[in-house]
Amino acid sequence: MSQNQLALKKMIYLVTLTAISIVLGLFEIPLGLPWLKIDLSEIVILLSVIIIGPKETFVVILFRGFFRQFLQGEILILDQVFGELVAVVASSTLVLSYLAIGKLTGRLHKPMLEECIVDNTRMKFKEYLLFIVGMTLALSTVMILLNIFFITPIYISIYMYYYPGAAASTLSQFHFSIFTLIKDPGMSNVFGADLSNMSAYLAYIIGNYALLNVAKGILTSVIFLPAKERIEKMKII
């Protein structure tokens, strides 16, 4: 296959995978708070890694975010745009953790559009477990830490500073990190909870995000890994 043919085929697959991820991404399952949602578009994102490659997959991630917001009419809504940026970080974390574990286990191959996969041996149970635990742990750790220090302070600021009607109180200013947020008097009443001390704030973050990210990591990897093995047996070159 010539380079021009390969580039054209990659473009076709990139557009197709992006379209599928957008459709799946539109069906979000709410989990309580306004910004806690889960969808299955990461499965398509991970499949794109093995089909078209990591670099192209990050393009799929960005396109999914933009067009999902565009189709929902939320492209200029502050909290939704920021939420999409967080989704980009989450998807990128899953991709990078998969690549790291794949390299560690020897299960990482060149994209299927570039090279036929010769080794089609089934993954052992230990390998399955390593992928599931590793990807889930990576996603949970990165997202919880980011939520503690930056994401949640920005989200709370958006809702309480710009949309005071959505919360019981307001903040004195917009906060980009926990270091200034925790000192704000408005933290005494955040969606009915007193988060004015660090222990209460941490309990709030872990209680709201730990289960979300663990569930997302397990669900995504459990569906993705069997699909990966089936697809790798196909010839798409």
Protein backbone atom coordinates (compact mmCIF):
# COMPACT_ATOMS: atom_id res chain seq x y z
CA MET A 1 0.00 0.00 0.00
CA SER A 2 1.41 3.40 -0.98
CA GLN A 3 1.74 6.26 1.49
CA ASN A 4 -1.09 8.16 -0.23
CA GLN A 5 -3.38 5.15 0.00
CA LEU A 6 -2.46 4.64 3.65
CA ALA A 7 -3.11 8.31 4.45
CA LEU A 8 -6.49 8.17 2.71
CA LYS A 9 -7.49 4.98 4.50
CA LYS A 10 -6.42 6.45 7.85
CA MET A 11 -8.52 9.52 7.15
CA ILE A 12 -11.58 7.39 6.35
CA TYR A 13 -11.17 5.35 9.54
CA LEU A 14 -10.49 8.49 11.57
CA VAL A 15 -13.73 10.10 10.39
CA THR A 16 -15.68 6.87 10.94
CA LEU A 17 -14.32 6.29 14.45
CA THR A 18 -14.91 9.93 15.33
CA ALA A 19 -18.53 9.71 14.19
CA ILE A 20 -19.12 6.55 16.27
CA SER A 21 -17.49 8.08 19.35
CA ILE A 22 -19.63 11.22 18.98
CA VAL A 23 -22.84 9.16 18.81
CA LEU A 24 -21.87 7.13 21.89
CA GLY A 25 -20.71 10.29 23.63
CA LEU A 26 -24.12 11.91 23.21
CA PHE A 27 -25.69 9.27 25.46
CA GLU A 28 -24.41 10.32 28.88
CA ILE A 29 -25.59 8.69 32.09
CA PRO A 30 -25.97 11.31 34.87
CA LEU A 31 -24.68 10.33 38.30
CA GLY A 32 -26.08 12.96 40.66
CA LEU A 33 -24.14 16.22 40.45
CA PRO A 34 -24.47 18.28 37.23
CA TRP A 35 -20.94 17.47 36.03
CA LEU A 36 -20.89 13.76 36.96
CA LYS A 37 -21.68 11.80 33.80
CA ILE A 38 -20.42 8.61 32.17
CA ASP A 39 -20.50 7.48 28.54
CA LEU A 40 -19.00 4.64 26.50
CA SER A 41 -17.22 6.67 23.82
CA GLU A 42 -13.84 5.78 25.38
CA ILE A 43 -14.27 2.24 24.06
CA VAL A 44 -14.17 3.57 20.50
CA ILE A 45 -11.28 5.86 21.46
CA LEU A 46 -9.24 2.86 22.65
CA LEU A 47 -10.15 0.80 19.59
CA SER A 48 -8.89 3.62 17.40
CA VAL A 49 -5.45 3.21 19.04
CA ILE A 50 -5.10 -0.32 17.68
CA ILE A 51 -6.65 0.51 14.30
CA ILE A 52 -5.18 3.88 13.26
CA GLY A 53 -2.56 4.62 15.95
CA PRO A 54 -2.08 6.82 19.05
CA LYS A 55 -1.42 10.14 17.26
CA GLU A 56 -4.56 9.87 15.17
CA THR A 57 -6.51 8.79 18.26
CA PHE A 58 -5.80 12.09 19.98
CA VAL A 59 -7.31 13.79 16.93
CA VAL A 60 -10.40 11.59 17.37
CA ILE A 61 -10.58 12.68 21.03
CA LEU A 62 -10.47 16.37 20.11
CA PHE A 63 -12.99 16.00 17.27
CA ARG A 64 -15.36 14.04 19.52
CA GLY A 65 -15.30 16.85 22.06
CA PHE A 66 -15.86 19.67 19.59
CA PHE A 67 -18.63 18.04 17.55
CA ARG A 68 -20.40 16.62 20.60
CA GLN A 69 -20.62 20.13 22.04
CA PHE A 70 -21.65 21.53 18.65
CA LEU A 71 -24.46 19.00 18.19
CA GLN A 72 -25.75 19.63 21.70
CA GLY A 73 -25.67 23.39 21.17
CA GLU A 74 -23.32 23.85 24.12
CA ILE A 75 -20.21 25.08 22.32
CA LEU A 76 -20.26 28.47 24.10
CA ILE A 77 -21.61 27.35 27.50
CA LEU A 78 -18.76 27.73 30.00
CA ASP A 79 -19.38 24.71 32.24
CA GLN A 80 -20.03 22.39 29.28
CA VAL A 81 -16.90 23.48 27.42
CA PHE A 82 -14.81 22.97 30.54
CA GLY A 83 -16.47 19.59 31.07
CA GLU A 84 -15.42 18.57 27.58
CA LEU A 85 -11.84 19.57 28.33
CA VAL A 86 -11.97 17.31 31.39
CA ALA A 87 -13.30 14.50 29.18
CA VAL A 88 -10.30 14.99 26.87
CA VAL A 89 -7.97 14.55 29.85
CA ALA A 90 -9.83 11.41 31.00
CA SER A 91 -9.74 9.83 27.53
CA SER A 92 -6.06 10.71 27.10
CA THR A 93 -5.28 9.12 30.47
CA LEU A 94 -6.97 5.88 29.41
CA VAL A 95 -5.08 5.86 26.10
CA LEU A 96 -1.70 6.53 27.72
CA SER A 97 -2.25 3.90 30.42
CA TYR A 98 -3.25 1.34 27.78
CA LEU A 99 -0.12 2.11 25.77
CA ALA A 100 2.09 1.80 28.87
CA ILE A 101 0.57 -1.52 29.96
CA GLY A 102 0.58 -2.82 26.38
CA LYS A 103 4.29 -2.10 26.11
CA LEU A 104 4.94 -3.70 29.50
CA THR A 105 3.10 -6.91 28.56
CA GLY A 106 4.32 -7.06 24.97
CA ARG A 107 0.75 -6.66 23.72
CA LEU A 108 1.38 -3.36 21.98
CA HIS A 109 1.52 -3.64 18.20
CA LYS A 110 1.72 -1.24 15.30
CA PRO A 111 -1.66 0.10 14.10
CA MET A 112 -3.61 -2.45 12.08
CA LEU A 113 -3.68 -0.12 9.07
CA GLU A 114 0.11 -0.25 8.95
CA GLU A 115 0.83 -3.86 9.79
CA CYS A 116 -1.04 -7.14 10.10
CA ILE A 117 -0.94 -8.53 13.63
CA VAL A 118 0.76 -11.93 13.51
CA ASP A 119 0.51 -12.79 17.21
CA ASN A 120 -3.16 -13.56 17.77
CA THR A 121 -2.73 -15.57 20.96
CA ARG A 122 -5.41 -14.90 23.54
CA MET A 123 -4.49 -12.79 26.52
CA LYS A 124 -3.99 -14.64 29.76
CA PHE A 125 -6.17 -13.88 32.75
CA LYS A 126 -3.27 -12.12 34.47
CA GLU A 127 -2.87 -9.83 31.45
CA TYR A 128 -6.58 -9.03 31.43
CA LEU A 129 -6.41 -8.24 35.12
CA LEU A 130 -3.32 -6.07 34.67
CA PHE A 131 -5.00 -4.02 31.94
CA ILE A 132 -8.26 -3.61 33.89
CA VAL A 133 -6.61 -2.72 37.20
CA GLY A 134 -3.88 -0.59 35.62
CA MET A 135 -6.19 1.47 33.41
CA THR A 136 -8.75 1.91 36.19
CA LEU A 137 -6.09 2.90 38.73
CA ALA A 138 -4.48 5.37 36.32
CA LEU A 139 -7.80 7.00 35.44
CA SER A 140 -8.96 7.18 39.07
CA THR A 141 -5.67 8.53 40.42
CA VAL A 142 -5.18 11.21 37.75
CA MET A 143 -8.78 12.41 37.78
CA ILE A 144 -9.16 12.46 41.57
CA LEU A 145 -5.93 14.42 42.02
CA LEU A 146 -6.89 16.87 39.27
CA ASN A 147 -10.33 17.24 40.81
CA ILE A 148 -8.90 17.94 44.24
CA PHE A 149 -6.50 20.64 43.10
CA PHE A 150 -8.01 22.20 39.97
CA ILE A 151 -11.09 20.72 38.30
CA THR A 152 -13.57 20.89 41.17
CA PRO A 153 -12.47 24.41 42.25
CA ILE A 154 -13.12 25.61 38.70
CA TYR A 155 -16.45 23.77 38.47
CA ILE A 156 -17.66 25.09 41.83
CA SER A 157 -16.58 28.58 40.79
CA ILE A 158 -18.50 28.31 37.53
CA TYR A 159 -21.70 27.18 39.24
CA MET A 160 -21.54 29.45 42.29
CA TYR A 161 -19.91 32.52 40.77
CA TYR A 162 -21.58 32.62 37.35
CA TYR A 163 -24.77 30.67 38.06
CA PRO A 164 -25.70 31.67 41.62
CA GLY A 165 -29.24 30.38 41.13
CA ALA A 166 -27.88 26.82 40.78
CA ALA A 167 -26.33 26.86 44.26
CA ALA A 168 -27.40 27.92 47.73
CA SER A 169 -24.63 30.52 48.07
CA THR A 170 -22.01 32.33 46.01
CA LEU A 171 -18.24 32.71 46.08
CA SER A 172 -16.43 35.98 46.57
CA GLN A 173 -14.31 35.40 43.46
CA PHE A 174 -13.47 32.85 40.76
CA HIS A 175 -10.98 30.20 41.88
CA PHE A 176 -8.63 28.13 39.73
CA SER A 177 -7.20 25.96 42.52
CA ILE A 178 -8.00 24.57 45.95
CA PHE A 179 -5.39 26.83 47.54
CA THR A 180 -7.63 29.89 47.29
CA LEU A 181 -11.02 28.16 47.08
CA ILE A 182 -10.87 26.55 50.52
CA LYS A 183 -10.51 30.02 52.13
CA ASP A 184 -13.60 31.46 50.45
CA PRO A 185 -16.57 32.06 52.80
CA GLY A 186 -18.93 30.64 50.18
CA MET A 187 -17.49 27.18 50.78
CA SER A 188 -19.60 26.91 53.91
CA ASN A 189 -22.57 25.99 51.71
CA VAL A 190 -21.81 24.20 48.44
CA PHE A 191 -24.90 22.43 47.13
CA GLY A 192 -26.04 22.09 50.75
CA ALA A 193 -22.69 20.83 52.08
CA ASP A 194 -20.14 22.59 54.29
CA LEU A 195 -16.79 22.28 52.48
CA SER A 196 -15.00 25.03 54.34
CA ASN A 197 -12.38 22.65 55.78
CA MET A 198 -9.97 20.39 53.91
CA SER A 199 -11.18 17.09 55.39
CA ALA A 200 -14.78 17.76 54.34
CA TYR A 201 -13.63 18.89 50.90
CA LEU A 202 -11.52 15.74 50.37
CA ALA A 203 -14.37 13.50 51.54
CA TYR A 204 -16.66 15.29 49.07
CA ILE A 205 -14.24 14.75 46.17
CA ILE A 206 -13.51 11.11 46.94
CA GLY A 207 -17.16 10.34 47.61
CA ASN A 208 -18.28 11.86 44.32
CA TYR A 209 -15.44 10.91 41.99
CA ALA A 210 -13.88 7.66 43.22
CA LEU A 211 -16.84 5.47 42.31
CA LEU A 212 -17.38 7.32 39.02
CA ASN A 213 -13.82 6.80 37.79
CA VAL A 214 -13.52 3.24 39.08
CA ALA A 215 -16.80 2.32 37.36
CA LYS A 216 -15.73 4.08 34.15
CA GLY A 217 -12.32 2.41 34.12
CA ILE A 218 -13.66 -1.09 34.77
CA LEU A 219 -16.62 -0.81 32.38
CA THR A 220 -14.50 0.63 29.57
CA SER A 221 -11.67 -1.91 29.87
CA VAL A 222 -13.97 -4.92 30.35
CA ILE A 223 -15.81 -4.10 27.10
CA PHE A 224 -12.73 -2.90 25.19
CA LEU A 225 -10.36 -5.85 25.78
CA PRO A 226 -12.56 -8.61 24.28
CA ALA A 227 -13.47 -6.30 21.38
CA LYS A 228 -9.76 -5.62 20.84
CA GLU A 229 -8.97 -9.33 20.51
CA ARG A 230 -11.76 -9.85 17.99
CA ILE A 231 -10.81 -6.86 15.87
CA GLU A 232 -7.13 -7.80 15.84
CA LYS A 233 -8.05 -11.06 14.08
CA MET A 234 -9.54 -9.09 11.21
CA LYS A 235 -7.61 -7.97 8.14
CA ILE A 236 -8.30 -4.34 7.32
CA ILE A 237 -5.22 -3.41 5.27
